[in-house]
PDB file of N, CA and C in Angstrom:
ATOM      1  N   MET A   1    -138.685-121.591  22.807  1.00  0.00           N
ATOM      2  CA  MET A   1    -138.188-120.311  23.216  1.00  0.00           C
ATOM      3  C   MET A   1    -137.566-120.382  24.605  1.00  0.00           C
ATOM      4  N   TYR A   2    -138.285-121.050  25.493  1.00  0.00           N
ATOM      5  CA  TYR A   2    -137.740-121.156  26.842  1.00  0.00           C
ATOM      6  C   TYR A   2    -136.465-122.006  26.860  1.00  0.00           C
ATOM      7  N   ALA A   3    -136.414-122.995  25.977  1.00  0.00           N
ATOM      8  CA  ALA A   3    -135.228-123.847  25.928  1.00  0.00           C
ATOM      9  C   ALA A   3    -134.021-123.050  25.469  1.00  0.00           C
ATOM     10  N   LEU A   4    -134.235-122.138  24.512  1.00  0.00           N
ATOM     11  CA  LEU A   4    -133.139-121.316  24.027  1.00  0.00           C
ATOM     12  C   LEU A   4    -132.645-120.384  25.116  1.00  0.00           C
ATOM     13  N   MET A   5    -133.546-119.821  25.866  1.00  0.00           N
ATOM     14  CA  MET A   5    -133.140-118.937  26.965  1.00  0.00           C
ATOM     15  C   MET A   5    -132.442-119.737  28.073  1.00  0.00           C
ATOM     16  N   TRP A   6    -132.929-120.952  28.277  1.00  0.00           N
ATOM     17  CA  TRP A   6    -132.314-121.790  29.307  1.00  0.00           C
ATOM     18  C   TRP A   6    -130.890-122.159  28.923  1.00  0.00           C
ATOM     19  N   LEU A   7    -130.656-122.447  27.622  1.00  0.00           N
ATOM     20  CA  LEU A   7    -129.319-122.775  27.160  1.00  0.00           C
ATOM     21  C   LEU A   7    -128.411-121.552  27.159  1.00  0.00           C
ATOM     22  N   ALA A   8    -128.978-120.378  26.957  1.00  0.00           N
ATOM     23  CA  ALA A   8    -128.175-119.165  26.860  1.00  0.00           C
ATOM     24  C   ALA A   8    -127.739-118.641  28.220  1.00  0.00           C
ATOM     25  N   THR A   9    -128.427-119.008  29.260  1.00  0.00           N
ATOM     26  CA  THR A   9    -128.038-118.494  30.580  1.00  0.00           C
ATOM     27  C   THR A   9    -126.737-119.146  31.013  1.00  0.00           C
ATOM     28  N   ALA A  10    -125.908-118.364  31.586  1.00  0.00           N
ATOM     29  CA  ALA A  10    -124.608-118.858  32.039  1.00  0.00           C
ATOM     30  C   ALA A  10    -124.784-119.641  33.324  1.00  0.00           C
ATOM     31  N   THR A  11    -124.132-120.754  33.360  1.00  0.00           N
ATOM     32  CA  THR A  11    -124.182-121.538  34.597  1.00  0.00           C
ATOM     33  C   THR A  11    -123.144-120.979  35.550  1.00  0.00           C
ATOM     34  N   PRO A  12    -123.506-120.818  36.763  1.00  0.00           N
ATOM     35  CA  PRO A  12    -122.532-120.265  37.711  1.00  0.00           C
ATOM     36  C   PRO A  12    -121.436-121.295  37.996  1.00  0.00           C
ATOM     37  N   THR A  13    -120.218-120.826  38.007  1.00  0.00           N
ATOM     38  CA  THR A  13    -119.096-121.719  38.328  1.00  0.00           C
ATOM     39  C   THR A  13    -118.910-121.732  39.834  1.00  0.00           C
ATOM     40  N   PRO A  14    -118.748-122.891  40.380  1.00  0.00           N
ATOM     41  CA  PRO A  14    -118.595-122.938  41.834  1.00  0.00           C
ATOM     42  C   PRO A  14    -117.233-122.384  42.237  1.00  0.00           C
ATOM     43  N   SER A  15    -117.231-121.677  43.314  1.00  0.00           N
ATOM     44  CA  SER A  15    -115.956-121.155  43.808  1.00  0.00           C
ATOM     45  C   SER A  15    -115.238-122.293  44.528  1.00  0.00           C
ATOM     46  N   PRO A  16    -113.939-122.348  44.384  1.00  0.00           N
ATOM     47  CA  PRO A  16    -113.218-123.432  45.053  1.00  0.00           C
ATOM     48  C   PRO A  16    -113.360-123.305  46.561  1.00  0.00           C
ATOM     49  N   SER A  17    -113.624-124.419  47.168  1.00  0.00           N
ATOM     50  CA  SER A  17    -113.797-124.390  48.619  1.00  0.00           C
ATOM     51  C   SER A  17    -112.426-124.247  49.275  1.00  0.00           C
ATOM     52  N   PRO A  18    -112.365-123.517  50.331  1.00  0.00           N
ATOM     53  CA  PRO A  18    -111.065-123.348  50.992  1.00  0.00           C
ATOM     54  C   PRO A  18    -110.626-124.667  51.628  1.00  0.00           C
ATOM     55  N   THR A  19    -109.355-124.939  51.498  1.00  0.00           N
ATOM     56  CA  THR A  19    -108.826-126.170  52.085  1.00  0.00           C
ATOM     57  C   THR A  19    -108.450-125.903  53.524  1.00  0.00           C
ATOM     58  N   LEU A  20    -108.912-126.757  54.384  1.00  0.00           N
ATOM     59  CA  LEU A  20    -108.627-126.609  55.799  1.00  0.00           C
ATOM     60  C   LEU A  20    -107.387-127.390  56.217  1.00  0.00           C
ATOM     61  N   ILE A  21    -106.930-128.288  55.338  1.00  0.00           N
ATOM     62  CA  ILE A  21    -105.781-129.131  55.655  1.00  0.00           C
ATOM     63  C   ILE A  21    -104.579-128.628  54.870  1.00  0.00           C
ATOM     64  N   ASP A  22    -103.474-128.505  55.542  1.00  0.00           N
ATOM     65  CA  ASP A  22    -102.239-128.082  54.889  1.00  0.00           C
ATOM     66  C   ASP A  22    -101.717-129.244  54.039  1.00  0.00           C
ATOM     67  N   PRO A  23    -101.535-129.051  52.718  1.00  0.00           N
ATOM     68  CA  PRO A  23    -101.095-130.158  51.865  1.00  0.00           C
ATOM     69  C   PRO A  23     -99.705-130.681  52.237  1.00  0.00           C
ATOM     70  N   ASP A  24     -98.882-129.873  52.874  1.00  0.00           N
ATOM     71  CA  ASP A  24     -97.544-130.333  53.247  1.00  0.00           C
ATOM     72  C   ASP A  24     -97.577-131.276  54.446  1.00  0.00           C
ATOM     73  N   ARG A  25     -98.630-131.233  55.212  1.00  0.00           N
ATOM     74  CA  ARG A  25     -98.694-132.069  56.413  1.00  0.00           C
ATOM     75  C   ARG A  25     -99.324-133.438  56.148  1.00  0.00           C
ATOM     76  N   VAL A  26     -99.888-133.655  54.989  1.00  0.00           N
ATOM     77  CA  VAL A  26    -100.526-134.936  54.707  1.00  0.00           C
ATOM     78  C   VAL A  26     -99.629-135.869  53.901  1.00  0.00           C
ATOM     79  N   THR A  27     -98.423-135.471  53.596  1.00  0.00           N
ATOM     80  CA  THR A  27     -97.495-136.345  52.895  1.00  0.00           C
ATOM     81  C   THR A  27     -96.959-137.380  53.870  1.00  0.00           C
ATOM     82  N   PRO A  28     -96.552-138.537  53.376  1.00  0.00           N
ATOM     83  CA  PRO A  28     -96.079-139.574  54.283  1.00  0.00           C
ATOM     84  C   PRO A  28     -94.774-139.217  54.982  1.00  0.00           C
ATOM     85  N   GLY A  29     -93.957-138.418  54.359  1.00  0.00           N
ATOM     86  CA  GLY A  29     -92.733-137.968  55.003  1.00  0.00           C
ATOM     87  C   GLY A  29     -91.704-139.071  55.163  1.00  0.00           C
ATOM     88  N   VAL A  30     -90.804-138.868  56.093  1.00  0.00           N
ATOM     89  CA  VAL A  30     -89.696-139.797  56.318  1.00  0.00           C
ATOM     90  C   VAL A  30     -90.214-141.130  56.854  1.00  0.00           C
ATOM     91  N   ALA A  31     -91.181-141.089  57.734  1.00  0.00           N
ATOM     92  CA  ALA A  31     -91.713-142.332  58.308  1.00  0.00           C
ATOM     93  C   ALA A  31     -92.342-143.210  57.226  1.00  0.00           C
ATOM     94  N   GLY A  32     -93.057-142.599  56.311  1.00  0.00           N
ATOM     95  CA  GLY A  32     -93.649-143.361  55.214  1.00  0.00           C
ATOM     96  C   GLY A  32     -92.600-143.943  54.298  1.00  0.00           C
ATOM     97  N   PHE A  33     -91.558-143.169  54.011  1.00  0.00           N
ATOM     98  CA  PHE A  33     -90.473-143.666  53.171  1.00  0.00           C
ATOM     99  C   PHE A  33     -89.782-144.847  53.834  1.00  0.00           C
ATOM    100  N   ILE A  34     -89.506-144.733  55.125  1.00  0.00           N
ATOM    101  CA  ILE A  34     -88.834-145.823  55.840  1.00  0.00           C
ATOM    102  C   ILE A  34     -89.727-147.062  55.867  1.00  0.00           C
ATOM    103  N   GLY A  35     -91.008-146.876  56.068  1.00  0.00           N
ATOM    104  CA  GLY A  35     -91.930-148.015  56.071  1.00  0.00           C
ATOM    105  C   GLY A  35     -91.957-148.738  54.734  1.00  0.00           C
ATOM    106  N   ILE A  36     -92.044-147.988  53.652  1.00  0.00           N
ATOM    107  CA  ILE A  36     -92.057-148.593  52.318  1.00  0.00           C
ATOM    108  C   ILE A  36     -90.714-149.252  52.020  1.00  0.00           C
ATOM    109  N   ALA A  37     -89.609-148.637  52.446  1.00  0.00           N
ATOM    110  CA  ALA A  37     -88.289-149.228  52.228  1.00  0.00           C
ATOM    111  C   ALA A  37     -88.164-150.557  52.969  1.00  0.00           C
ATOM    112  N   VAL A  38     -88.659-150.626  54.195  1.00  0.00           N
ATOM    113  CA  VAL A  38     -88.602-151.881  54.962  1.00  0.00           C
ATOM    114  C   VAL A  38     -89.433-152.960  54.273  1.00  0.00           C
ATOM    115  N   ILE A  39     -90.601-152.598  53.792  1.00  0.00           N
ATOM    116  CA  ILE A  39     -91.443-153.572  53.090  1.00  0.00           C
ATOM    117  C   ILE A  39     -90.757-154.047  51.812  1.00  0.00           C
ATOM    118  N   ALA A  40     -90.140-153.130  51.067  1.00  0.00           N
ATOM    119  CA  ALA A  40     -89.458-153.503  49.827  1.00  0.00           C
ATOM    120  C   ALA A  40     -88.286-154.439  50.110  1.00  0.00           C
ATOM    121  N   ILE A  41     -87.512-154.151  51.139  1.00  0.00           N
ATOM    122  CA  ILE A  41     -86.377-155.013  51.489  1.00  0.00           C
ATOM    123  C   ILE A  41     -86.877-156.390  51.913  1.00  0.00           C
ATOM    124  N   ALA A  42     -87.953-156.443  52.683  1.00  0.00           N
ATOM    125  CA  ALA A  42     -88.509-157.731  53.111  1.00  0.00           C
ATOM    126  C   ALA A  42     -88.989-158.546  51.912  1.00  0.00           C
ATOM    127  N   VAL A  43     -89.614-157.890  50.944  1.00  0.00           N
ATOM    128  CA  VAL A  43     -90.093-158.598  49.754  1.00  0.00           C
ATOM    129  C   VAL A  43     -88.920-159.148  48.954  1.00  0.00           C
ATOM    130  N   VAL A  44     -87.862-158.363  48.797  1.00  0.00           N
ATOM    131  CA  VAL A  44     -86.685-158.831  48.060  1.00  0.00           C
ATOM    132  C   VAL A  44     -86.067-160.032  48.766  1.00  0.00           C
ATOM    133  N   LEU A  45     -85.938-159.972  50.083  1.00  0.00           N
ATOM    134  CA  LEU A  45     -85.365-161.096  50.826  1.00  0.00           C
ATOM    135  C   LEU A  45     -86.244-162.342  50.714  1.00  0.00           C
ATOM    136  N   LEU A  46     -87.553-162.168  50.755  1.00  0.00           N
ATOM    137  CA  LEU A  46     -88.451-163.310  50.592  1.00  0.00           C
ATOM    138  C   LEU A  46     -88.344-163.916  49.191  1.00  0.00           C
ATOM    139  N   LEU A  47     -88.198-163.079  48.173  1.00  0.00           N
ATOM    140  CA  LEU A  47     -88.049-163.590  46.811  1.00  0.00           C
ATOM    141  C   LEU A  47     -86.752-164.369  46.653  1.00  0.00           C
ATOM    142  N   VAL A  48     -85.664-163.870  47.231  1.00  0.00           N
ATOM    143  CA  VAL A  48     -84.382-164.578  47.159  1.00  0.00           C
ATOM    144  C   VAL A  48     -84.491-165.921  47.871  1.00  0.00           C
ATOM    145  N   ASP A  49     -85.112-165.941  49.039  1.00  0.00           N
ATOM    146  CA  ASP A  49     -85.274-167.188  49.783  1.00  0.00           C
ATOM    147  C   ASP A  49     -86.149-168.177  49.016  1.00  0.00           C
ATOM    148  N   MET A  50     -87.226-167.692  48.400  1.00  0.00           N
ATOM    149  CA  MET A  50     -88.098-168.563  47.627  1.00  0.00           C
ATOM    150  C   MET A  50     -87.355-169.153  46.433  1.00  0.00           C
ATOM    151  N   GLN A  51     -86.556-168.329  45.764  1.00  0.00           N
ATOM    152  CA  GLN A  51     -85.792-168.808  44.619  1.00  0.00           C
ATOM    153  C   GLN A  51     -84.803-169.883  45.056  1.00  0.00           C
ATOM    154  N   ARG A  52     -84.158-169.687  46.189  1.00  0.00           N
ATOM    155  CA  ARG A  52     -83.208-170.666  46.705  1.00  0.00           C
ATOM    156  C   ARG A  52     -83.913-171.987  47.021  1.00  0.00           C
ATOM    157  N   ARG A  53     -85.082-171.915  47.634  1.00  0.00           N
ATOM    158  CA  ARG A  53     -85.816-173.135  47.984  1.00  0.00           C
ATOM    159  C   ARG A  53     -86.311-173.868  46.739  1.00  0.00           C
ATOM    160  N   ILE A  54     -86.760-173.134  45.741  1.00  0.00           N
ATOM    161  CA  ILE A  54     -87.217-173.765  44.500  1.00  0.00           C
ATOM    162  C   ILE A  54     -86.052-174.443  43.798  1.00  0.00           C
ATOM    163  N   ARG A  55     -84.902-173.774  43.746  1.00  0.00           N
ATOM    164  CA  ARG A  55     -83.723-174.353  43.112  1.00  0.00           C
ATOM    165  C   ARG A  55     -83.296-175.628  43.847  1.00  0.00           C
ATOM    166  N   ARG A  56     -83.309-175.575  45.177  1.00  0.00           N
ATOM    167  CA  ARG A  56     -82.921-176.739  45.974  1.00  0.00           C
ATOM    168  C   ARG A  56     -83.877-177.904  45.727  1.00  0.00           C
ATOM    169  N   ALA A  57     -85.164-177.649  45.648  1.00  0.00           N
ATOM    170  CA  ALA A  57     -86.143-178.710  45.387  1.00  0.00           C
ATOM    171  C   ALA A  57     -85.955-179.290  43.989  1.00  0.00           C
ATOM    172  N   ARG A  58     -85.641-178.443  43.016  1.00  0.00           N
ATOM    173  CA  ARG A  58     -85.428-178.926  41.651  1.00  0.00           C
ATOM    174  C   ARG A  58     -84.206-179.827  41.591  1.00  0.00           C
ATOM    175  N   TYR A  59     -83.112-179.430  42.258  1.00  0.00           N
ATOM    176  CA  TYR A  59     -81.911-180.261  42.275  1.00  0.00           C
ATOM    177  C   TYR A  59     -82.175-181.588  42.975  1.00  0.00           C
ATOM    178  N   ARG A  60     -82.924-181.553  44.059  1.00  0.00           N
ATOM    179  CA  ARG A  60     -83.240-182.798  44.767  1.00  0.00           C
ATOM    180  C   ARG A  60     -84.058-183.733  43.891  1.00  0.00           C
ATOM    181  N   SER A  61     -85.004-183.191  43.129  1.00  0.00           N
ATOM    182  CA  SER A  61     -85.812-184.052  42.267  1.00  0.00           C
ATOM    183  C   SER A  61     -84.976-184.625  41.129  1.00  0.00           C
ATOM    184  N   GLU A  62     -84.029-183.845  40.594  1.00  0.00           N
ATOM    185  CA  GLU A  62     -83.151-184.365  39.544  1.00  0.00           C
ATOM    186  C   GLU A  62     -82.280-185.490  40.081  1.00  0.00           C
ATOM    187  N   ILE A  63     -81.752-185.322  41.283  1.00  0.00           N
ATOM    188  CA  ILE A  63     -80.912-186.361  41.876  1.00  0.00           C
ATOM    189  C   ILE A  63     -81.747-187.598  42.183  1.00  0.00           C
ATOM    190  N   ALA A  64     -82.967-187.410  42.659  1.00  0.00           N
ATOM    191  CA  ALA A  64     -83.843-188.556  42.931  1.00  0.00           C
ATOM    192  C   ALA A  64     -84.150-189.321  41.649  1.00  0.00           C
ATOM    193  N   GLU A  65     -84.355-188.608  40.546  1.00  0.00           N
ATOM    194  CA  GLU A  65     -84.590-189.279  39.269  1.00  0.00           C
ATOM    195  C   GLU A  65     -83.364-190.065  38.837  1.00  0.00           C
ATOM    196  N   GLN A  66     -82.172-189.493  39.019  1.00  0.00           N
ATOM    197  CA  GLN A  66     -80.942-190.205  38.669  1.00  0.00           C
ATOM    198  C   GLN A  66     -80.773-191.455  39.526  1.00  0.00           C
ATOM    199  N   LEU A  67     -81.037-191.337  40.816  1.00  0.00           N
ATOM    200  CA  LEU A  67     -80.910-192.494  41.701  1.00  0.00           C
ATOM    201  C   LEU A  67     -81.931-193.569  41.348  1.00  0.00           C
ATOM    202  N   ASP A  68     -83.133-193.174  40.987  1.00  0.00           N
ATOM    203  CA  ASP A  68     -84.140-194.148  40.569  1.00  0.00           C
ATOM    204  C   ASP A  68     -83.718-194.852  39.285  1.00  0.00           C
ATOM    205  N   ALA A  69     -83.133-194.106  38.353  1.00  0.00           N
ATOM    206  CA  ALA A  69     -82.666-194.713  37.106  1.00  0.00           C
ATOM    207  C   ALA A  69     -81.522-195.687  37.382  1.00  0.00           C
ATOM    208  N   GLU A  70     -80.603-195.317  38.270  1.00  0.00           N
ATOM    209  CA  GLU A  70     -79.501-196.218  38.614  1.00  0.00           C
ATOM    210  C   GLU A  70     -80.017-197.460  39.323  1.00  0.00           C
ATOM    211  N   ALA A  71     -81.004-197.300  40.189  1.00  0.00           N
ATOM    212  CA  ALA A  71     -81.570-198.455  40.882  1.00  0.00           C
ATOM    213  C   ALA A  71     -82.291-199.372  39.901  1.00  0.00           C
ATOM    214  N   ALA A  72     -82.959-198.799  38.920  1.00  0.00           N
ATOM    215  CA  ALA A  72     -83.638-199.616  37.910  1.00  0.00           C
ATOM    216  C   ALA A  72     -82.621-200.373  37.071  1.00  0.00           C
ATOM    217  N   GLU A  73     -81.490-199.749  36.765  1.00  0.00           N
ATOM    218  CA  GLU A  73     -80.436-200.437  36.019  1.00  0.00           C
ATOM    219  C   GLU A  73     -79.843-201.567  36.839  1.00  0.00           C
ATOM    220  N   ALA A  74     -79.677-201.339  38.124  1.00  0.00           N
ATOM    221  CA  ALA A  74     -79.100-202.372  38.984  1.00  0.00           C
ATOM    222  C   ALA A  74     -80.050-203.557  39.119  1.00  0.00           C
ATOM    223  N   ARG A  75     -81.353-203.327  39.092  1.00  0.00           N
ATOM    224  CA  ARG A  75     -82.319-204.420  39.189  1.00  0.00           C
ATOM    225  C   ARG A  75     -82.429-205.200  37.887  1.00  0.00           C
ATOM    226  N   ASP A  76     -82.044-204.586  36.796  1.00  0.00           N
ATOM    227  CA  ASP A  76     -82.152-205.233  35.492  1.00  0.00           C
ATOM    228  C   ASP A  76     -80.995-206.227  35.360  1.00  0.00           C
ATOM    229  N   VAL A  77     -81.254-207.489  35.672  1.00  0.00           N
ATOM    230  CA  VAL A  77     -80.200-208.504  35.739  1.00  0.00           C
ATOM    231  C   VAL A  77     -79.763-208.949  34.361  1.00  0.00           C
ATOM    232  N   ASP A  78     -80.694-209.156  33.443  1.00  0.00           N
ATOM    233  CA  ASP A  78     -80.325-209.720  32.151  1.00  0.00           C
ATOM    234  C   ASP A  78     -79.675-208.687  31.235  1.00  0.00           C
ATOM    235  N   GLY A  79     -79.780-207.425  31.496  1.00  0.00           N
ATOM    236  CA  GLY A  79     -79.039-206.394  30.781  1.00  0.00           C
ATOM    237  C   GLY A  79     -79.573-206.028  29.419  1.00  0.00           C
ATOM    238  N   ASP A  80     -80.709-206.563  28.994  1.00  0.00           N
ATOM    239  CA  ASP A  80     -81.212-206.178  27.677  1.00  0.00           C
ATOM    240  C   ASP A  80     -82.010-204.887  27.713  1.00  0.00           C
ATOM    241  N   GLY A  81     -82.264-204.349  28.878  1.00  0.00           N
ATOM    242  CA  GLY A  81     -82.884-203.043  29.008  1.00  0.00           C
ATOM    243  C   GLY A  81     -84.384-203.030  28.892  1.00  0.00           C
ATOM    244  N   ASP A  82     -85.019-204.209  28.833  1.00  0.00           N
ATOM    245  CA  ASP A  82     -86.470-204.213  28.698  1.00  0.00           C
ATOM    246  C   ASP A  82     -87.183-204.409  30.027  1.00  0.00           C
ATOM    247  N   GLY A  83     -86.494-204.223  31.096  1.00  0.00           N
ATOM    248  CA  GLY A  83     -87.114-204.353  32.408  1.00  0.00           C
ATOM    249  C   GLY A  83     -86.437-205.442  33.218  1.00  0.00           C
ATOM    250  N   PRO A  84     -86.937-205.702  34.393  1.00  0.00           N
ATOM    251  CA  PRO A  84     -86.310-206.710  35.244  1.00  0.00           C
ATOM    252  C   PRO A  84     -86.529-208.112  34.678  1.00  0.00           C
ATOM    253  N   SER A  85     -85.572-208.962  34.908  1.00  0.00           N
ATOM    254  CA  SER A  85     -85.636-210.325  34.408  1.00  0.00           C
ATOM    255  C   SER A  85     -86.632-211.129  35.230  1.00  0.00           C
ATOM    256  N   LEU A  86     -87.390-211.992  34.561  1.00  0.00           N
ATOM    257  CA  LEU A  86     -88.350-212.834  35.253  1.00  0.00           C
ATOM    258  C   LEU A  86     -87.718-214.139  35.719  1.00  0.00           C
ATOM    259  N   ILE A  87     -86.519-214.445  35.232  1.00  0.00           N
ATOM    260  CA  ILE A  87     -85.809-215.655  35.635  1.00  0.00           C
ATOM    261  C   ILE A  87     -85.042-215.340  36.907  1.00  0.00           C
ATOM    262  N   PRO A  88     -85.272-216.110  37.966  1.00  0.00           N
ATOM    263  CA  PRO A  88     -84.546-215.830  39.205  1.00  0.00           C
ATOM    264  C   PRO A  88     -83.068-216.143  39.037  1.00  0.00           C
ATOM    265  N   PRO A  89     -82.210-215.416  39.719  1.00  0.00           N
ATOM    266  CA  PRO A  89     -80.774-215.686  39.602  1.00  0.00           C
ATOM    267  C   PRO A  89     -80.443-217.044  40.216  1.00  0.00           C
ATOM    268  N   SER A  90     -79.410-217.665  39.658  1.00  0.00           N
ATOM    269  CA  SER A  90     -79.005-218.980  40.173  1.00  0.00           C
ATOM    270  C   SER A  90     -78.349-218.816  41.534  1.00  0.00           C
ATOM    271  N   PRO A  91     -78.538-219.808  42.407  1.00  0.00           N
ATOM    272  CA  PRO A  91     -77.925-219.707  43.736  1.00  0.00           C
ATOM    273  C   PRO A  91     -76.406-219.762  43.641  1.00  0.00           C
ATOM    274  N   VAL A  92     -75.758-219.064  44.510  1.00  0.00           N
ATOM    275  CA  VAL A  92     -74.298-218.999  44.526  1.00  0.00           C
ATOM    276  C   VAL A  92     -73.789-220.185  45.336  1.00  0.00           C
ATOM    277  N   LYS A  93     -72.814-220.934  44.753  1.00  0.00           N
ATOM    278  CA  LYS A  93     -72.238-222.088  45.444  1.00  0.00           C
ATOM    279  C   LYS A  93     -70.854-221.727  45.938  1.00  0.00           C
ATOM    280  N   ASP A  94     -70.580-222.052  47.194  1.00  0.00           N
ATOM    281  CA  ASP A  94     -69.252-221.779  47.758  1.00  0.00           C
ATOM    282  C   ASP A  94     -68.392-222.995  47.727  1.00  0.00           C
TER     283      ASP A  94
END
């Protein structure tokens, strides 16, 4: 019985508390927009620079691989492609 009466009683709704802060004064405003814009521009510039450096490193590694392959071909005296020759080259006579 008491439970039914307890459920039937209306719970008081709290009254909204008055706001002491003006909502228009807590927005970031122009200074906040400029700050975020500067950060966004800096991030974009850093991403472009990072992409340029990664591309440059990739090209350098490709060129280094090509130079290593050319050097390996130049060392391969007998020309059969199975590695450097174990037979020393004959001395050159003038």
